C-alpha atoms as a PDB file:
ATOM      1  CA  UNK A   1      -3.718  82.283 -30.607  1.00  0.00           C
ATOM      2  CA  UNK A   2      -1.855  78.986 -30.317  1.00  0.00           C
ATOM      3  CA  UNK A   3      -0.935  79.752 -26.098  1.00  0.00           C
ATOM      4  CA  UNK A   4      -4.776  80.302 -26.113  1.00  0.00           C
ATOM      5  CA  UNK A   5      -5.222  77.326 -27.219  1.00  0.00           C
ATOM      6  CA  UNK A   6      -2.509  74.674 -25.516  1.00  0.00           C
ATOM      7  CA  UNK A   7      -4.002  76.400 -22.466  1.00  0.00           C
ATOM      8  CA  UNK A   8      -7.536  75.585 -23.098  1.00  0.00           C
ATOM      9  CA  UNK A   9      -6.402  72.201 -24.720  1.00  0.00           C
ATOM     10  CA  UNK A  10      -4.303  71.765 -21.131  1.00  0.00           C
ATOM     11  CA  UNK A  11      -7.876  72.452 -18.880  1.00  0.00           C
ATOM     12  CA  UNK A  12      -9.392  69.725 -20.780  1.00  0.00           C
ATOM     13  CA  UNK A  13      -6.733  66.910 -20.204  1.00  0.00           C
ATOM     14  CA  UNK A  14      -5.882  67.780 -16.045  1.00  0.00           C
ATOM     15  CA  UNK A  15     -10.196  67.599 -16.124  1.00  0.00           C
ATOM     16  CA  UNK A  16     -10.434  64.776 -18.306  1.00  0.00           C
ATOM     17  CA  UNK A  17      -7.181  63.405 -16.174  1.00  0.00           C
ATOM     18  CA  UNK A  18      -9.326  64.552 -12.542  1.00  0.00           C
ATOM     19  CA  UNK A  19     -12.556  62.829 -13.142  1.00  0.00           C
ATOM     20  CA  UNK A  20     -10.607  59.445 -14.016  1.00  0.00           C
ATOM     21  CA  UNK A  21      -8.651  59.337 -11.172  1.00  0.00           C
ATOM     22  CA  UNK A  22     -11.938  60.003  -8.934  1.00  0.00           C
ATOM     23  CA  UNK A  23     -13.853  57.581 -10.587  1.00  0.00           C
ATOM     24  CA  UNK A  24     -10.948  54.991  -9.864  1.00  0.00           C
ATOM     25  CA  UNK A  25     -11.098  56.651  -6.547  1.00  0.00           C
ATOM     26  CA  UNK A  26     -14.203  56.085  -5.496  1.00  0.00           C
ATOM     27  CA  UNK A  27     -14.318  52.856  -7.091  1.00  0.00           C
ATOM     28  CA  UNK A  28     -11.961  52.109  -4.147  1.00  0.00           C
ATOM     29  CA  UNK A  29     -13.424  53.408  -1.744  1.00  0.00           C
ATOM     30  CA  UNK A  30     -17.357  53.905  -2.086  1.00  0.00           C
ATOM     31  CA  UNK A  31     -17.521  57.466  -1.712  1.00  0.00           C
ATOM     32  CA  UNK A  32     -20.538  59.258  -1.262  1.00  0.00           C
ATOM     33  CA  UNK A  33     -20.936  61.007  -4.504  1.00  0.00           C
ATOM     34  CA  UNK A  34     -21.269  65.074  -2.945  1.00  0.00           C
ATOM     35  CA  UNK A  35     -18.156  64.523  -1.141  1.00  0.00           C
ATOM     36  CA  UNK A  36     -16.980  62.997  -4.669  1.00  0.00           C
ATOM     37  CA  UNK A  37     -17.898  66.510  -6.443  1.00  0.00           C
ATOM     38  CA  UNK A  38     -16.482  68.566  -3.574  1.00  0.00           C
ATOM     39  CA  UNK A  39     -13.288  67.279  -3.576  1.00  0.00           C
ATOM     40  CA  UNK A  40     -12.989  67.468  -7.164  1.00  0.00           C
ATOM     41  CA  UNK A  41     -14.157  70.553  -7.459  1.00  0.00           C
ATOM     42  CA  UNK A  42     -11.946  72.012  -4.995  1.00  0.00           C
ATOM     43  CA  UNK A  43      -9.019  69.866  -6.059  1.00  0.00           C
ATOM     44  CA  UNK A  44      -9.853  71.748 -10.055  1.00  0.00           C
ATOM     45  CA  UNK A  45     -10.039  74.749  -8.023  1.00  0.00           C
ATOM     46  CA  UNK A  46      -7.214  74.572  -6.749  1.00  0.00           C
ATOM     47  CA  UNK A  47      -5.609  73.489  -9.873  1.00  0.00           C
ATOM     48  CA  UNK A  48      -7.088  76.415 -12.271  1.00  0.00           C
ATOM     49  CA  UNK A  49      -5.267  79.164  -9.535  1.00  0.00           C
ATOM     50  CA  UNK A  50      -2.382  77.569  -9.664  1.00  0.00           C
ATOM     51  CA  UNK A  51      -2.306  77.743 -13.741  1.00  0.00           C
ATOM     52  CA  UNK A  52      -3.780  81.467 -13.468  1.00  0.00           C
ATOM     53  CA  UNK A  53      -1.178  82.437 -10.937  1.00  0.00           C
END
């Protein structure tokens, strides 16, 4: 049970870091919102795949 909690906690942490990172990037480059969402979802999918493999 503790393992699952750690795993979920890690994913939540990664998600908040990723969204923060993309907020900073979009502020710097003024990216289109749809592009921002697409890019972050791809990145998150890649990270989740890496965690599950």
